[in-house]
């Protein structure tokens, strides 16, 4: 079946469903079929894994960053050797240009990986802080908060979870 044929069938089915419901307009929201995938719990909450984030940040720090530094240094050494071998030739000028571009790209990638590493480590703190802030905003609605103190008077009790960074 071609794309055009399949598209025509899907449009006809949607029109038929729309007509059968007797609607002139409407919105239908799709959702996961419950078979997995996505980042939503059965209760609608966001799923995060602090351990997996910590592991990913560790891989960046322990494997990717050192490997990138080594590859960059190795290319610098070999390129500088080739530049000196071709001294006085136009090839040496071309190699210098390529080496400069390579070094720029290695620095940019190193910076990006460092940012990703810190973002992974900071996400746990951010999500916990956001959850606690959102939860505390409901205290006034229910008359008292989940910590057993009145929402109308007194000071806010200390938070049950420490807001500290999860990275080493």
N, C-alpha and C. Protein backbone atom coordinates (compact mmCIF):
# COMPACT_ATOMS: atom_id res chain seq x y z
N UNK A 1 0.85 -1.17 0.00
CA UNK A 1 0.00 0.00 0.00
C UNK A 1 0.90 1.23 0.00
N UNK A 2 0.58 2.17 -0.86
CA UNK A 2 1.37 3.38 -0.96
C UNK A 2 0.99 4.35 0.17
N UNK A 3 1.83 5.32 0.35
CA UNK A 3 1.56 6.32 1.37
C UNK A 3 0.25 7.04 1.08
N UNK A 4 0.05 7.43 -0.16
CA UNK A 4 -1.17 8.16 -0.53
C UNK A 4 -2.43 7.34 -0.25
N UNK A 5 -2.37 6.05 -0.53
CA UNK A 5 -3.53 5.18 -0.26
C UNK A 5 -3.79 5.07 1.25
N UNK A 6 -2.70 4.86 2.00
CA UNK A 6 -2.85 4.75 3.46
C UNK A 6 -3.37 6.06 4.05
N UNK A 7 -2.85 7.19 3.57
CA UNK A 7 -3.28 8.49 4.06
C UNK A 7 -4.76 8.71 3.76
N UNK A 8 -5.20 8.34 2.57
CA UNK A 8 -6.61 8.48 2.21
C UNK A 8 -7.49 7.62 3.12
N UNK A 9 -7.04 6.41 3.43
CA UNK A 9 -7.80 5.55 4.35
C UNK A 9 -7.90 6.15 5.75
N UNK A 10 -6.79 6.67 6.24
CA UNK A 10 -6.78 7.26 7.57
C UNK A 10 -7.68 8.50 7.63
N UNK A 11 -7.64 9.33 6.59
CA UNK A 11 -8.50 10.51 6.56
C UNK A 11 -9.97 10.10 6.51
N UNK A 12 -10.29 9.08 5.72
CA UNK A 12 -11.68 8.62 5.62
C UNK A 12 -12.16 8.06 6.96
N UNK A 13 -11.31 7.30 7.64
CA UNK A 13 -11.67 6.74 8.94
C UNK A 13 -11.89 7.85 9.96
N UNK A 14 -11.05 8.87 9.94
CA UNK A 14 -11.20 9.98 10.88
C UNK A 14 -12.49 10.74 10.59
N UNK A 15 -12.79 10.95 9.31
CA UNK A 15 -14.03 11.65 8.95
C UNK A 15 -15.25 10.84 9.37
N UNK A 16 -15.19 9.52 9.17
CA UNK A 16 -16.29 8.64 9.57
C UNK A 16 -16.50 8.67 11.08
N UNK A 17 -15.41 8.60 11.83
CA UNK A 17 -15.50 8.67 13.30
C UNK A 17 -16.07 10.01 13.74
N UNK A 18 -15.64 11.06 13.09
CA UNK A 18 -16.11 12.41 13.41
C UNK A 18 -17.60 12.54 13.13
N UNK A 19 -18.05 12.03 11.99
CA UNK A 19 -19.47 12.10 11.61
C UNK A 19 -20.32 11.23 12.53
N UNK A 20 -19.82 10.04 12.90
CA UNK A 20 -20.58 9.12 13.76
C UNK A 20 -20.82 9.73 15.13
N UNK A 21 -19.88 10.54 15.60
CA UNK A 21 -20.03 11.16 16.91
C UNK A 21 -20.96 12.37 16.85
N UNK A 22 -21.32 12.81 15.64
CA UNK A 22 -22.22 13.94 15.48
C UNK A 22 -21.61 15.26 15.89
N UNK A 23 -20.32 15.39 15.75
CA UNK A 23 -19.64 16.61 16.15
C UNK A 23 -19.29 17.45 14.93
N UNK A 24 -19.36 18.74 15.12
CA UNK A 24 -18.88 19.62 14.06
C UNK A 24 -17.42 19.96 14.27
N UNK A 25 -16.95 19.85 15.48
CA UNK A 25 -15.54 20.06 15.77
C UNK A 25 -15.21 19.33 17.06
N UNK A 26 -13.94 19.13 17.32
CA UNK A 26 -13.54 18.45 18.55
C UNK A 26 -12.05 18.22 18.60
N UNK A 27 -11.62 17.76 19.76
CA UNK A 27 -10.22 17.46 19.98
C UNK A 27 -10.11 16.08 20.59
N UNK A 28 -9.16 15.32 20.13
CA UNK A 28 -8.91 14.01 20.69
C UNK A 28 -7.45 13.97 21.11
N UNK A 29 -7.21 13.60 22.34
CA UNK A 29 -5.85 13.51 22.85
C UNK A 29 -5.40 12.06 22.81
N UNK A 30 -4.27 11.81 22.21
CA UNK A 30 -3.72 10.47 22.18
C UNK A 30 -2.88 10.26 23.43
N UNK A 31 -2.66 9.01 23.79
CA UNK A 31 -1.83 8.69 24.94
C UNK A 31 -1.13 7.38 24.70
N UNK A 32 -0.19 7.06 25.57
CA UNK A 32 0.52 5.79 25.46
C UNK A 32 -0.47 4.66 25.67
N UNK A 33 -0.18 3.54 25.05
CA UNK A 33 -1.06 2.39 25.17
C UNK A 33 -0.82 1.59 26.45
N UNK A 34 0.06 2.04 27.30
CA UNK A 34 0.36 1.32 28.54
C UNK A 34 1.40 0.23 28.35
N UNK A 35 1.89 0.06 27.14
CA UNK A 35 2.86 -0.98 26.85
C UNK A 35 4.29 -0.57 27.09
N UNK A 36 4.51 0.57 27.67
CA UNK A 36 5.86 1.01 27.97
C UNK A 36 6.24 2.22 27.16
N UNK A 37 7.44 2.67 27.37
CA UNK A 37 7.93 3.85 26.69
C UNK A 37 7.46 5.11 27.39
N UNK A 38 8.03 6.20 27.00
CA UNK A 38 7.62 7.47 27.59
C UNK A 38 8.17 7.65 28.98
N UNK A 39 7.95 8.81 29.51
CA UNK A 39 8.46 9.12 30.84
C UNK A 39 7.35 9.44 31.81
N UNK A 40 6.25 8.69 31.77
CA UNK A 40 5.11 8.98 32.62
C UNK A 40 4.76 7.75 33.43
N UNK A 41 4.50 7.95 34.72
CA UNK A 41 4.09 6.84 35.57
C UNK A 41 2.62 6.53 35.32
N UNK A 42 2.12 5.40 35.81
CA UNK A 42 0.69 5.11 35.64
C UNK A 42 -0.19 6.17 36.30
N UNK A 43 0.37 6.93 37.23
CA UNK A 43 -0.40 7.96 37.92
C UNK A 43 -0.21 9.33 37.29
N UNK A 44 0.52 9.42 36.17
CA UNK A 44 0.68 10.67 35.47
C UNK A 44 1.89 11.49 35.87
N UNK A 45 2.75 11.00 36.74
CA UNK A 45 3.91 11.77 37.19
C UNK A 45 5.12 11.53 36.31
N UNK A 46 6.07 12.42 36.40
CA UNK A 46 7.31 12.31 35.64
C UNK A 46 8.21 11.26 36.27
N UNK A 47 8.77 10.40 35.46
CA UNK A 47 9.69 9.36 35.95
C UNK A 47 11.12 9.86 35.78
N UNK A 48 11.88 9.82 36.84
CA UNK A 48 13.30 10.16 36.74
C UNK A 48 14.08 9.11 37.50
N UNK A 49 15.31 8.95 37.12
CA UNK A 49 16.17 7.99 37.78
C UNK A 49 17.46 8.69 38.20
N UNK A 50 17.53 9.09 39.46
CA UNK A 50 18.76 9.75 39.92
C UNK A 50 20.01 8.89 39.71
N UNK A 51 19.87 7.59 39.89
CA UNK A 51 21.03 6.70 39.73
C UNK A 51 21.51 6.68 38.28
N UNK A 52 20.58 6.65 37.34
CA UNK A 52 20.97 6.64 35.93
C UNK A 52 21.59 7.97 35.52
N UNK A 53 21.09 9.06 36.06
CA UNK A 53 21.68 10.37 35.75
C UNK A 53 23.10 10.44 36.30
N UNK A 54 23.28 9.94 37.51
CA UNK A 54 24.61 9.95 38.13
C UNK A 54 25.58 9.07 37.33
N UNK A 55 25.09 7.91 36.87
CA UNK A 55 25.92 7.02 36.06
C UNK A 55 26.31 7.67 34.74
N UNK A 56 25.34 8.31 34.08
CA UNK A 56 25.63 8.98 32.81
C UNK A 56 26.64 10.10 32.99
N UNK A 57 26.49 10.89 34.06
CA UNK A 57 27.45 11.96 34.33
C UNK A 57 28.83 11.37 34.59
N UNK A 58 28.89 10.24 35.28
CA UNK A 58 30.17 9.57 35.54
C UNK A 58 30.83 9.08 34.27
N UNK A 59 30.04 8.55 33.34
CA UNK A 59 30.60 8.09 32.06
C UNK A 59 31.19 9.27 31.29
N UNK A 60 30.48 10.38 31.30
CA UNK A 60 31.01 11.57 30.62
C UNK A 60 32.33 11.98 31.25
N UNK A 61 32.36 12.04 32.59
CA UNK A 61 33.55 12.51 33.29
C UNK A 61 34.71 11.52 33.21
N UNK A 62 34.42 10.23 33.37
CA UNK A 62 35.48 9.23 33.48
C UNK A 62 35.94 8.64 32.15
N UNK A 63 35.05 8.66 31.13
CA UNK A 63 35.41 8.03 29.87
C UNK A 63 35.43 9.00 28.69
N UNK A 64 34.34 9.73 28.49
CA UNK A 64 34.24 10.57 27.29
C UNK A 64 35.18 11.76 27.32
N UNK A 65 35.19 12.51 28.42
CA UNK A 65 36.06 13.69 28.48
C UNK A 65 37.54 13.32 28.37
N UNK A 66 38.03 12.31 29.13
CA UNK A 66 39.44 11.93 28.96
C UNK A 66 39.76 11.42 27.56
N UNK A 67 38.81 10.67 26.96
CA UNK A 67 39.03 10.16 25.61
C UNK A 67 39.10 11.28 24.59
N UNK A 68 38.26 12.27 24.76
CA UNK A 68 38.27 13.42 23.85
C UNK A 68 39.57 14.21 24.00
N UNK A 69 40.00 14.42 25.22
CA UNK A 69 41.26 15.13 25.46
C UNK A 69 42.42 14.39 24.83
N UNK A 70 42.45 13.07 25.00
CA UNK A 70 43.53 12.26 24.43
C UNK A 70 43.51 12.33 22.90
N UNK A 71 42.31 12.20 22.30
CA UNK A 71 42.21 12.27 20.84
C UNK A 71 42.63 13.64 20.33
N UNK A 72 42.22 14.69 21.04
CA UNK A 72 42.61 16.04 20.64
C UNK A 72 44.11 16.25 20.72
N UNK A 73 44.72 15.79 21.80
CA UNK A 73 46.17 15.93 21.96
C UNK A 73 46.93 15.12 20.92
N UNK A 74 46.44 13.92 20.64
CA UNK A 74 47.08 13.05 19.65
C UNK A 74 47.04 13.70 18.27
N UNK A 75 45.88 14.26 17.90
CA UNK A 75 45.76 14.93 16.61
C UNK A 75 46.66 16.16 16.54
N UNK A 76 46.77 16.89 17.66
CA UNK A 76 47.65 18.07 17.69
C UNK A 76 49.10 17.66 17.42
N UNK A 77 49.53 16.61 18.10
CA UNK A 77 50.92 16.15 17.95
C UNK A 77 51.21 15.72 16.52
N UNK A 78 50.33 14.89 15.96
CA UNK A 78 50.55 14.39 14.61
C UNK A 78 50.45 15.51 13.57
N UNK A 79 49.52 16.42 13.77
CA UNK A 79 49.38 17.53 12.82
C UNK A 79 50.59 18.45 12.87
N UNK A 80 51.07 18.75 14.07
CA UNK A 80 52.26 19.61 14.19
C UNK A 80 53.48 18.95 13.55
N UNK A 81 53.59 17.63 13.67
CA UNK A 81 54.69 16.91 13.02
C UNK A 81 54.58 17.05 11.50
N UNK A 82 53.36 16.86 10.98
CA UNK A 82 53.16 16.97 9.53
C UNK A 82 53.41 18.39 9.05
N UNK A 83 53.00 19.38 9.84
CA UNK A 83 53.22 20.79 9.46
C UNK A 83 54.72 21.07 9.35
N UNK A 84 55.49 20.56 10.32
CA UNK A 84 56.94 20.79 10.27
C UNK A 84 57.58 20.04 9.10
N UNK A 85 57.05 18.88 8.73
CA UNK A 85 57.58 18.11 7.59
C UNK A 85 57.32 18.84 6.27
N UNK A 86 56.19 19.55 6.19
CA UNK A 86 55.82 20.24 4.96
C UNK A 86 56.16 21.74 5.01
N UNK A 87 57.07 22.11 5.90
CA UNK A 87 57.46 23.52 6.04
C UNK A 87 57.84 24.11 4.68
N UNK A 88 57.26 25.29 4.39
CA UNK A 88 57.55 25.95 3.13
C UNK A 88 56.60 25.56 2.00
N UNK A 89 55.77 24.59 2.21
CA UNK A 89 54.81 24.16 1.20
C UNK A 89 53.43 24.73 1.55
N UNK A 90 52.59 24.85 0.54
CA UNK A 90 51.21 25.29 0.79
C UNK A 90 50.45 24.27 1.64
N UNK A 91 50.89 23.03 1.57
CA UNK A 91 50.26 21.97 2.37
C UNK A 91 50.38 22.29 3.86
N UNK A 92 51.50 22.84 4.27
CA UNK A 92 51.69 23.20 5.68
C UNK A 92 50.68 24.25 6.11
N UNK A 93 50.42 25.23 5.25
CA UNK A 93 49.42 26.25 5.56
C UNK A 93 48.03 25.64 5.68
N UNK A 94 47.71 24.71 4.78
CA UNK A 94 46.42 24.02 4.84
C UNK A 94 46.28 23.21 6.11
N UNK A 95 47.34 22.52 6.49
CA UNK A 95 47.32 21.73 7.72
C UNK A 95 47.16 22.61 8.95
N UNK A 96 47.79 23.78 8.94
CA UNK A 96 47.63 24.71 10.07
C UNK A 96 46.17 25.15 10.20
N UNK A 97 45.56 25.44 9.07
CA UNK A 97 44.14 25.83 9.08
C UNK A 97 43.26 24.70 9.62
N UNK A 98 43.49 23.50 9.14
CA UNK A 98 42.71 22.34 9.59
C UNK A 98 42.93 22.11 11.09
N UNK A 99 44.17 22.23 11.55
CA UNK A 99 44.46 22.03 12.98
C UNK A 99 43.75 23.07 13.84
N UNK A 100 43.74 24.31 13.40
CA UNK A 100 43.04 25.36 14.15
C UNK A 100 41.55 25.04 14.25
N UNK A 101 40.95 24.63 13.15
CA UNK A 101 39.53 24.26 13.15
C UNK A 101 39.28 23.06 14.06
N UNK A 102 40.16 22.07 13.99
CA UNK A 102 40.04 20.88 14.85
C UNK A 102 40.07 21.28 16.32
N UNK A 103 41.01 22.12 16.69
CA UNK A 103 41.13 22.55 18.08
C UNK A 103 39.88 23.30 18.54
N UNK A 104 39.32 24.12 17.66
CA UNK A 104 38.07 24.83 17.99
C UNK A 104 36.94 23.85 18.23
N UNK A 105 36.83 22.84 17.39
CA UNK A 105 35.77 21.85 17.53
C UNK A 105 35.95 21.01 18.80
N UNK A 106 37.18 20.64 19.11
CA UNK A 106 37.43 19.86 20.33
C UNK A 106 37.06 20.68 21.57
N UNK A 107 37.42 21.96 21.58
CA UNK A 107 37.06 22.81 22.72
C UNK A 107 35.55 22.94 22.86
N UNK A 108 34.85 23.11 21.74
CA UNK A 108 33.39 23.24 21.78
C UNK A 108 32.74 21.96 22.29
N UNK A 109 33.22 20.82 21.82
CA UNK A 109 32.66 19.55 22.27
C UNK A 109 32.96 19.30 23.75
N UNK A 110 34.15 19.64 24.18
CA UNK A 110 34.51 19.49 25.59
C UNK A 110 33.59 20.35 26.46
N UNK A 111 33.35 21.57 26.05
CA UNK A 111 32.46 22.46 26.80
C UNK A 111 31.05 21.91 26.83
N UNK A 112 30.57 21.39 25.71
CA UNK A 112 29.21 20.84 25.64
C UNK A 112 29.08 19.62 26.55
N UNK A 113 30.07 18.74 26.53
CA UNK A 113 30.00 17.55 27.39
C UNK A 113 30.02 17.95 28.86
N UNK A 114 30.81 18.94 29.21
CA UNK A 114 30.83 19.42 30.58
C UNK A 114 29.49 19.98 31.01
N UNK A 115 28.84 20.71 30.10
CA UNK A 115 27.51 21.24 30.39
C UNK A 115 26.47 20.14 30.57
N UNK A 116 26.55 19.12 29.72
CA UNK A 116 25.62 17.98 29.85
C UNK A 116 25.83 17.25 31.17
N UNK A 117 27.08 17.09 31.54
CA UNK A 117 27.41 16.41 32.81
C UNK A 117 26.82 17.18 33.99
N UNK A 118 27.02 18.48 34.01
CA UNK A 118 26.50 19.29 35.11
C UNK A 118 24.98 19.34 35.10
N UNK A 119 24.38 19.35 33.91
CA UNK A 119 22.92 19.34 33.82
C UNK A 119 22.35 18.03 34.38
N UNK A 120 22.99 16.92 34.07
CA UNK A 120 22.54 15.64 34.61
C UNK A 120 22.62 15.64 36.14
N UNK A 121 23.69 16.19 36.66
CA UNK A 121 23.86 16.21 38.11
C UNK A 121 22.91 17.19 38.79
N UNK A 122 22.60 18.29 38.12
CA UNK A 122 21.74 19.30 38.72
C UNK A 122 20.25 19.01 38.60
N UNK A 123 19.86 18.12 37.71
CA UNK A 123 18.45 17.84 37.48
C UNK A 123 17.77 17.30 38.72
N UNK A 124 18.42 16.42 39.45
CA UNK A 124 17.80 15.84 40.64
C UNK A 124 17.46 16.91 41.67
N UNK A 125 18.37 17.84 41.86
CA UNK A 125 18.13 18.92 42.82
C UNK A 125 16.98 19.80 42.33
N UNK A 126 16.99 20.11 41.06
CA UNK A 126 15.94 20.96 40.49
C UNK A 126 14.57 20.30 40.62
N UNK A 127 14.46 19.02 40.26
CA UNK A 127 13.17 18.33 40.34
C UNK A 127 12.69 18.22 41.78
N UNK A 128 13.57 17.91 42.70
CA UNK A 128 13.17 17.80 44.10
C UNK A 128 12.70 19.16 44.62
N UNK A 129 13.44 20.21 44.31
CA UNK A 129 13.05 21.55 44.76
C UNK A 129 11.72 21.97 44.17
N UNK A 130 11.50 21.68 42.91
CA UNK A 130 10.23 22.02 42.26
C UNK A 130 9.08 21.27 42.90
N UNK A 131 9.28 19.98 43.15
CA UNK A 131 8.23 19.18 43.80
C UNK A 131 7.89 19.74 45.18
N UNK A 132 8.91 20.07 45.95
CA UNK A 132 8.66 20.59 47.29
C UNK A 132 7.96 21.95 47.24
N UNK A 133 8.37 22.79 46.31
CA UNK A 133 7.74 24.11 46.17
C UNK A 133 6.27 23.95 45.76
N UNK A 134 6.01 23.09 44.79
CA UNK A 134 4.64 22.87 44.34
C UNK A 134 3.79 22.31 45.47
N UNK A 135 4.33 21.34 46.20
CA UNK A 135 3.59 20.77 47.33
C UNK A 135 3.28 21.79 48.39
N UNK A 136 4.23 22.66 48.69
CA UNK A 136 3.99 23.66 49.72
C UNK A 136 2.97 24.70 49.28
N UNK A 137 2.82 24.88 47.97
CA UNK A 137 1.83 25.85 47.48
C UNK A 137 0.40 25.38 47.73
N UNK A 138 0.21 24.09 47.98
CA UNK A 138 -1.12 23.56 48.25
C UNK A 138 -1.50 23.65 49.73
N UNK A 139 -0.56 24.02 50.58
CA UNK A 139 -0.82 24.07 52.02
C UNK A 139 -2.01 24.97 52.36
N UNK A 140 -2.11 26.13 51.74
CA UNK A 140 -3.21 27.05 52.03
C UNK A 140 -4.56 26.51 51.57
N UNK A 141 -4.56 25.70 50.55
CA UNK A 141 -5.82 25.16 50.02
C UNK A 141 -6.44 24.17 51.00
N UNK A 142 -5.63 23.34 51.61
CA UNK A 142 -6.14 22.30 52.48
C UNK A 142 -6.22 22.71 53.94
N UNK A 143 -5.78 23.91 54.29
CA UNK A 143 -5.89 24.40 55.66
C UNK A 143 -4.70 24.04 56.52
N UNK A 144 -4.08 22.93 56.28
CA UNK A 144 -2.84 22.61 56.97
C UNK A 144 -1.95 21.86 55.99
N UNK A 145 -0.67 21.87 56.28
CA UNK A 145 0.24 21.25 55.32
C UNK A 145 0.54 19.81 55.73
N UNK A 146 1.26 19.14 54.90
CA UNK A 146 1.54 17.72 55.14
C UNK A 146 2.52 17.50 56.28
N UNK A 147 3.05 18.59 56.86
CA UNK A 147 4.00 18.45 57.95
C UNK A 147 3.31 18.58 59.30
N UNK A 148 1.98 18.73 59.31
CA UNK A 148 1.24 18.77 60.56
C UNK A 148 1.18 20.13 61.22
N UNK A 149 1.54 21.19 60.55
CA UNK A 149 1.45 22.51 61.14
C UNK A 149 0.44 23.33 60.36
N UNK A 150 -0.12 24.31 61.01
CA UNK A 150 -1.13 25.15 60.38
C UNK A 150 -0.52 25.95 59.24
N UNK A 151 -1.27 26.08 58.15
CA UNK A 151 -0.80 26.86 57.02
C UNK A 151 -1.01 28.35 57.25
N UNK A 152 -1.84 28.70 58.27
CA UNK A 152 -2.17 30.10 58.50
C UNK A 152 -1.22 30.80 59.46
N UNK A 153 -0.58 30.09 60.31
CA UNK A 153 0.26 30.75 61.30
C UNK A 153 1.55 30.02 61.52
N UNK A 154 2.46 30.67 62.21
CA UNK A 154 3.73 30.05 62.54
C UNK A 154 4.67 30.04 61.35
N UNK A 155 5.83 29.51 61.60
CA UNK A 155 6.82 29.46 60.52
C UNK A 155 6.71 28.13 59.79
N UNK A 156 7.19 28.13 58.57
CA UNK A 156 7.18 26.91 57.77
C UNK A 156 8.15 25.92 58.39
N UNK A 157 7.75 24.67 58.57
CA UNK A 157 8.67 23.69 59.13
C UNK A 157 9.80 23.40 58.16
N UNK A 158 10.86 22.83 58.69
CA UNK A 158 11.98 22.51 57.81
C UNK A 158 11.54 21.42 56.83
N UNK A 159 12.18 21.42 55.67
CA UNK A 159 11.82 20.46 54.63
C UNK A 159 12.33 19.08 55.01
N UNK A 160 11.57 18.04 54.64
CA UNK A 160 11.99 16.69 55.00
C UNK A 160 13.14 16.16 54.17
N UNK A 161 13.41 16.75 53.01
CA UNK A 161 14.48 16.27 52.15
C UNK A 161 15.55 17.35 52.03
N UNK A 162 16.81 16.98 52.13
CA UNK A 162 17.85 17.98 51.94
C UNK A 162 17.95 18.38 50.47
N UNK A 163 18.10 19.64 50.21
CA UNK A 163 18.28 20.12 48.84
C UNK A 163 19.75 20.28 48.58
N UNK A 164 20.42 19.16 48.36
CA UNK A 164 21.84 19.20 48.08
C UNK A 164 22.10 18.55 46.74
N UNK A 165 23.22 18.89 46.16
CA UNK A 165 23.59 18.35 44.87
C UNK A 165 23.91 16.88 45.01
N UNK A 166 23.58 16.10 43.98
CA UNK A 166 23.83 14.67 44.04
C UNK A 166 25.17 14.28 43.47
N UNK A 167 25.94 15.24 42.97
CA UNK A 167 27.23 14.86 42.39
C UNK A 167 28.31 14.83 43.46
N UNK A 168 29.34 14.05 43.21
CA UNK A 168 30.41 13.86 44.22
C UNK A 168 31.17 15.12 44.52
